[in-house]
N, C-alpha and C. Protein backbone atom coordinates (compact mmCIF):
# COMPACT_ATOMS: atom_id res chain seq x y z
N UNK A 1 132.92 67.03 35.21
CA UNK A 1 132.72 65.61 35.03
C UNK A 1 132.97 64.85 36.35
N UNK A 2 133.95 65.34 37.11
CA UNK A 2 134.24 64.69 38.40
C UNK A 2 133.06 64.83 39.36
N UNK A 3 132.42 66.01 39.34
CA UNK A 3 131.26 66.23 40.20
C UNK A 3 130.13 65.28 39.82
N UNK A 4 129.91 65.09 38.51
CA UNK A 4 128.85 64.19 38.05
C UNK A 4 129.13 62.76 38.51
N UNK A 5 130.37 62.32 38.41
CA UNK A 5 130.71 60.96 38.85
C UNK A 5 130.52 60.79 40.36
N UNK A 6 130.84 61.84 41.11
CA UNK A 6 130.63 61.80 42.57
C UNK A 6 129.14 61.69 42.88
N UNK A 7 128.31 62.48 42.20
CA UNK A 7 126.87 62.43 42.41
C UNK A 7 126.29 61.08 41.98
N UNK A 8 126.82 60.51 40.90
CA UNK A 8 126.37 59.21 40.44
C UNK A 8 126.70 58.14 41.48
N UNK A 9 127.88 58.23 42.10
CA UNK A 9 128.26 57.28 43.15
C UNK A 9 127.33 57.36 44.35
N UNK A 10 126.97 58.59 44.75
CA UNK A 10 126.03 58.76 45.86
C UNK A 10 124.66 58.16 45.53
N UNK A 11 124.22 58.41 44.31
CA UNK A 11 122.91 57.89 43.88
C UNK A 11 122.92 56.37 43.84
N UNK A 12 123.99 55.79 43.33
CA UNK A 12 124.10 54.33 43.29
C UNK A 12 124.06 53.73 44.70
N UNK A 13 124.75 54.36 45.63
CA UNK A 13 124.78 53.86 47.01
C UNK A 13 123.38 53.93 47.63
N UNK A 14 122.66 55.02 47.37
CA UNK A 14 121.30 55.15 47.89
C UNK A 14 120.38 54.07 47.33
N UNK A 15 120.51 53.78 46.03
CA UNK A 15 119.67 52.75 45.43
C UNK A 15 120.02 51.36 45.97
N UNK A 16 121.31 51.11 46.20
CA UNK A 16 121.72 49.80 46.73
C UNK A 16 121.18 49.59 48.14
N UNK A 17 121.31 50.60 48.99
CA UNK A 17 120.80 50.49 50.36
C UNK A 17 119.29 50.29 50.34
N UNK A 18 118.61 51.05 49.49
CA UNK A 18 117.16 50.91 49.38
C UNK A 18 116.77 49.51 48.92
N UNK A 19 117.47 48.98 47.93
CA UNK A 19 117.16 47.65 47.41
C UNK A 19 117.37 46.58 48.47
N UNK A 20 118.43 46.72 49.26
CA UNK A 20 118.70 45.74 50.32
C UNK A 20 117.60 45.79 51.38
N UNK A 21 117.21 47.00 51.78
CA UNK A 21 116.15 47.12 52.79
C UNK A 21 114.82 46.55 52.28
N UNK A 22 114.48 46.82 51.05
CA UNK A 22 113.23 46.29 50.48
C UNK A 22 113.30 44.77 50.40
N UNK A 23 114.45 44.23 50.01
CA UNK A 23 114.60 42.78 49.93
C UNK A 23 114.42 42.14 51.31
N UNK A 24 115.02 42.74 52.32
CA UNK A 24 114.91 42.20 53.68
C UNK A 24 113.47 42.26 54.16
N UNK A 25 112.79 43.39 53.93
CA UNK A 25 111.38 43.50 54.36
C UNK A 25 110.50 42.50 53.61
N UNK A 26 110.81 42.28 52.34
CA UNK A 26 110.00 41.34 51.55
C UNK A 26 110.22 39.90 52.03
N UNK A 27 111.46 39.52 52.27
CA UNK A 27 111.76 38.15 52.67
C UNK A 27 111.33 37.86 54.10
N UNK A 28 111.66 38.76 55.01
CA UNK A 28 111.37 38.51 56.42
C UNK A 28 109.91 38.74 56.79
N UNK A 29 109.29 39.74 56.21
CA UNK A 29 107.93 40.11 56.61
C UNK A 29 106.88 39.85 55.54
N UNK A 30 107.31 39.42 54.37
CA UNK A 30 106.39 39.19 53.23
C UNK A 30 105.58 40.45 52.89
N UNK A 31 106.26 41.58 52.92
CA UNK A 31 105.63 42.84 52.57
C UNK A 31 105.75 43.04 51.06
N UNK A 32 104.74 42.64 50.33
CA UNK A 32 104.79 42.70 48.88
C UNK A 32 104.61 44.12 48.35
N UNK A 33 103.87 44.93 49.07
CA UNK A 33 103.62 46.29 48.60
C UNK A 33 104.90 47.12 48.57
N UNK A 34 105.89 46.77 49.40
CA UNK A 34 107.15 47.52 49.38
C UNK A 34 107.88 47.33 48.05
N UNK A 35 107.72 46.17 47.42
CA UNK A 35 108.35 45.95 46.12
C UNK A 35 107.76 46.88 45.07
N UNK A 36 106.45 47.01 45.07
CA UNK A 36 105.77 47.86 44.09
C UNK A 36 106.12 49.32 44.34
N UNK A 37 106.02 49.73 45.59
CA UNK A 37 106.32 51.13 45.91
C UNK A 37 107.78 51.47 45.59
N UNK A 38 108.69 50.60 45.97
CA UNK A 38 110.11 50.87 45.77
C UNK A 38 110.46 50.97 44.29
N UNK A 39 109.94 50.06 43.50
CA UNK A 39 110.26 50.10 42.07
C UNK A 39 109.67 51.34 41.41
N UNK A 40 108.46 51.72 41.80
CA UNK A 40 107.83 52.91 41.23
C UNK A 40 108.55 54.18 41.67
N UNK A 41 108.85 54.29 42.95
CA UNK A 41 109.51 55.50 43.42
C UNK A 41 110.94 55.61 42.89
N UNK A 42 111.60 54.49 42.69
CA UNK A 42 112.95 54.52 42.12
C UNK A 42 112.92 55.04 40.68
N UNK A 43 111.93 54.61 39.92
CA UNK A 43 111.80 55.09 38.54
C UNK A 43 111.54 56.60 38.51
N UNK A 44 110.67 57.07 39.40
CA UNK A 44 110.39 58.51 39.48
C UNK A 44 111.64 59.27 39.91
N UNK A 45 112.38 58.73 40.87
CA UNK A 45 113.62 59.37 41.31
C UNK A 45 114.62 59.50 40.17
N UNK A 46 114.74 58.46 39.37
CA UNK A 46 115.67 58.50 38.23
C UNK A 46 115.23 59.56 37.23
N UNK A 47 113.93 59.62 36.92
CA UNK A 47 113.44 60.58 35.93
C UNK A 47 113.68 62.02 36.37
N UNK A 48 113.62 62.28 37.66
CA UNK A 48 113.79 63.64 38.16
C UNK A 48 115.23 63.96 38.56
N UNK A 49 116.13 63.00 38.50
CA UNK A 49 117.52 63.25 38.91
C UNK A 49 118.19 64.16 37.88
N UNK A 50 118.92 65.17 38.34
CA UNK A 50 119.56 66.11 37.42
C UNK A 50 120.52 65.44 36.42
N UNK A 51 121.25 64.40 36.84
CA UNK A 51 122.16 63.74 35.91
C UNK A 51 121.41 63.08 34.77
N UNK A 52 120.27 62.47 35.05
CA UNK A 52 119.45 61.85 34.00
C UNK A 52 118.94 62.92 33.04
N UNK A 53 118.47 64.02 33.60
CA UNK A 53 117.93 65.07 32.75
C UNK A 53 119.01 65.72 31.88
N UNK A 54 120.22 65.85 32.39
CA UNK A 54 121.30 66.47 31.63
C UNK A 54 121.86 65.51 30.58
N UNK A 55 122.23 64.30 30.99
CA UNK A 55 122.96 63.39 30.11
C UNK A 55 122.05 62.53 29.22
N UNK A 56 120.88 62.16 29.69
CA UNK A 56 120.00 61.29 28.90
C UNK A 56 118.99 62.11 28.12
N UNK A 57 118.32 63.06 28.79
CA UNK A 57 117.31 63.87 28.11
C UNK A 57 117.92 65.04 27.35
N UNK A 58 119.19 65.31 27.57
CA UNK A 58 119.88 66.35 26.82
C UNK A 58 119.55 67.77 27.23
N UNK A 59 119.11 67.95 28.45
CA UNK A 59 118.81 69.31 28.92
C UNK A 59 120.10 70.06 29.24
N UNK A 60 120.05 71.37 29.12
CA UNK A 60 121.21 72.19 29.46
C UNK A 60 121.31 72.35 30.98
N UNK A 61 122.53 72.31 31.51
CA UNK A 61 122.70 72.45 32.97
C UNK A 61 122.55 73.89 33.44
N UNK A 62 121.33 74.40 33.32
CA UNK A 62 121.03 75.77 33.73
C UNK A 62 119.89 75.74 34.73
N UNK A 63 119.77 76.80 35.49
CA UNK A 63 118.67 76.91 36.46
C UNK A 63 118.76 75.83 37.51
N UNK A 64 117.68 75.03 37.68
CA UNK A 64 117.70 73.99 38.73
C UNK A 64 118.67 72.85 38.41
N UNK A 65 119.11 72.75 37.16
CA UNK A 65 120.05 71.69 36.79
C UNK A 65 121.51 72.16 36.86
N UNK A 66 121.73 73.40 37.28
CA UNK A 66 123.08 73.93 37.37
C UNK A 66 123.84 73.23 38.50
N UNK A 67 125.11 73.02 38.26
CA UNK A 67 125.96 72.41 39.28
C UNK A 67 126.48 73.48 40.21
N UNK A 68 126.65 73.23 41.48
CA UNK A 68 126.30 72.03 42.23
C UNK A 68 124.78 71.93 42.39
N UNK A 69 124.30 70.70 42.36
CA UNK A 69 122.86 70.47 42.45
C UNK A 69 122.35 70.84 43.82
N UNK A 70 121.13 71.35 43.86
CA UNK A 70 120.50 71.69 45.14
C UNK A 70 120.03 70.42 45.83
N UNK A 71 119.90 70.48 47.14
CA UNK A 71 119.44 69.33 47.91
C UNK A 71 118.00 69.00 47.55
N UNK A 72 117.67 67.73 47.62
CA UNK A 72 116.31 67.27 47.32
C UNK A 72 115.34 67.76 48.38
N UNK A 73 114.08 67.80 48.01
CA UNK A 73 113.04 68.22 48.93
C UNK A 73 112.91 67.20 50.07
N UNK A 74 112.72 67.66 51.31
CA UNK A 74 112.54 66.71 52.41
C UNK A 74 111.18 66.02 52.36
N UNK A 75 110.23 66.59 51.65
CA UNK A 75 108.90 65.99 51.53
C UNK A 75 108.78 65.25 50.21
N UNK A 76 108.19 64.05 50.22
CA UNK A 76 108.05 63.32 48.97
C UNK A 76 107.09 64.06 48.03
N UNK A 77 107.43 64.12 46.77
CA UNK A 77 106.65 64.73 45.70
C UNK A 77 106.43 66.22 45.90
N UNK A 78 107.21 66.85 46.74
CA UNK A 78 107.09 68.28 46.95
C UNK A 78 108.13 69.02 46.14
N UNK A 79 107.95 70.31 45.92
CA UNK A 79 108.95 71.07 45.18
C UNK A 79 110.21 71.23 46.01
N UNK A 80 111.36 71.36 45.37
CA UNK A 80 112.58 71.56 46.13
C UNK A 80 112.56 72.90 46.85
N UNK A 81 113.30 73.04 47.94
CA UNK A 81 113.32 74.30 48.66
C UNK A 81 113.75 75.45 47.76
N UNK A 82 113.03 76.55 47.84
CA UNK A 82 113.36 77.72 47.03
C UNK A 82 112.79 77.69 45.63
N UNK A 83 112.02 76.67 45.28
CA UNK A 83 111.45 76.59 43.94
C UNK A 83 110.31 77.59 43.83
N UNK A 84 110.15 78.21 42.65
CA UNK A 84 109.04 79.14 42.49
C UNK A 84 107.72 78.41 42.55
N UNK A 85 106.69 79.11 43.01
CA UNK A 85 105.36 78.50 43.12
C UNK A 85 104.82 78.24 41.73
N UNK A 86 104.22 77.07 41.55
CA UNK A 86 103.60 76.75 40.27
C UNK A 86 102.24 77.41 40.21
N UNK A 87 101.65 77.38 39.04
CA UNK A 87 100.37 78.06 38.84
C UNK A 87 99.20 77.26 39.35
N UNK A 88 99.16 76.89 40.59
CA UNK A 88 98.04 76.14 41.15
C UNK A 88 98.14 74.67 40.83
N UNK A 89 97.03 73.97 40.93
CA UNK A 89 97.00 72.54 40.71
C UNK A 89 97.36 72.19 39.28
N UNK A 90 96.83 72.92 38.32
CA UNK A 90 97.11 72.62 36.92
C UNK A 90 98.58 72.87 36.61
N UNK A 91 99.17 73.89 37.19
CA UNK A 91 100.58 74.16 36.96
C UNK A 91 101.45 73.06 37.55
N UNK A 92 101.04 72.54 38.69
CA UNK A 92 101.81 71.48 39.32
C UNK A 92 101.71 70.19 38.53
N UNK A 93 100.58 69.97 37.88
CA UNK A 93 100.38 68.73 37.14
C UNK A 93 100.84 68.83 35.69
N UNK A 94 100.81 70.01 35.11
CA UNK A 94 101.03 70.10 33.69
C UNK A 94 102.40 70.57 33.25
N UNK A 95 103.22 71.10 34.10
CA UNK A 95 104.47 71.64 33.61
C UNK A 95 105.62 71.38 34.56
N UNK A 96 106.81 71.49 34.01
CA UNK A 96 108.00 71.38 34.81
C UNK A 96 108.48 69.97 35.07
N UNK A 97 107.87 68.98 34.46
CA UNK A 97 108.29 67.60 34.67
C UNK A 97 109.48 67.25 33.81
N UNK A 98 110.11 66.10 34.09
CA UNK A 98 111.30 65.73 33.37
C UNK A 98 111.04 65.34 31.92
N UNK A 99 109.81 65.01 31.58
CA UNK A 99 109.50 64.57 30.22
C UNK A 99 108.89 65.67 29.38
N UNK A 100 108.83 66.90 29.89
CA UNK A 100 108.32 68.01 29.11
C UNK A 100 109.24 68.24 27.92
N UNK A 101 108.68 68.62 26.81
CA UNK A 101 109.46 68.91 25.63
C UNK A 101 109.76 67.68 24.79
N UNK A 102 109.28 66.52 25.20
CA UNK A 102 109.50 65.31 24.42
C UNK A 102 108.29 64.94 23.57
N UNK A 103 107.27 65.79 23.56
CA UNK A 103 106.10 65.54 22.74
C UNK A 103 105.14 64.52 23.33
N UNK A 104 105.23 64.29 24.62
CA UNK A 104 104.36 63.30 25.25
C UNK A 104 103.12 63.92 25.86
N UNK A 105 103.08 65.24 25.95
CA UNK A 105 101.91 65.92 26.53
C UNK A 105 101.97 65.92 28.04
N UNK A 106 101.32 66.91 28.64
CA UNK A 106 101.30 67.02 30.10
C UNK A 106 100.00 66.51 30.65
N UNK A 107 99.94 66.32 31.95
CA UNK A 107 98.73 65.81 32.58
C UNK A 107 97.66 66.89 32.67
N UNK A 108 98.08 68.11 32.99
CA UNK A 108 97.10 69.16 33.22
C UNK A 108 96.74 69.95 31.98
N UNK A 109 97.58 69.89 30.95
CA UNK A 109 97.29 70.60 29.72
C UNK A 109 97.39 72.11 29.86
N UNK A 110 97.86 72.62 30.98
CA UNK A 110 98.03 74.05 31.17
C UNK A 110 96.74 74.79 31.43
N UNK A 111 95.66 74.10 31.66
CA UNK A 111 94.38 74.75 31.91
C UNK A 111 94.12 74.78 33.41
N UNK A 112 93.59 75.88 33.87
CA UNK A 112 93.25 75.99 35.29
C UNK A 112 91.98 75.20 35.58
N UNK A 113 91.94 74.56 36.70
CA UNK A 113 90.77 73.82 37.12
C UNK A 113 89.92 74.72 38.00
N UNK A 114 88.62 74.69 37.81
CA UNK A 114 87.72 75.51 38.62
C UNK A 114 86.83 74.59 39.43
N UNK A 115 86.71 74.89 40.70
CA UNK A 115 85.88 74.09 41.58
C UNK A 115 84.72 74.95 42.05
N UNK A 116 83.62 74.29 42.35
CA UNK A 116 82.44 75.01 42.82
C UNK A 116 81.69 75.65 41.67
N UNK A 117 80.80 76.54 41.95
CA UNK A 117 79.97 77.27 40.98
C UNK A 117 79.41 76.34 39.95
């Protein structure tokens, strides 16, 4: 529980710093697109955060959700380091997301996409 609280504190600090930077860019430079991007990426970050998946979605802390949590991927929207390869484009789109198992359906439907021919 102490580890979870420590991770929650780190996450809160990251969101606060991000919100301050977006606010400054919006006020000083009138960059409206940063508001849209920041709010969308923050929502995605929350959905994929291990604490959200364990405590809110009720997933078991096994595999990638096992403590201590692995470091996030350095590339946006990329798999974390050491993650197994997904089954191509359809595997990347259709499985392994934070909302799997909630009856909402996947984007790829588990079908392979064929190009050409």
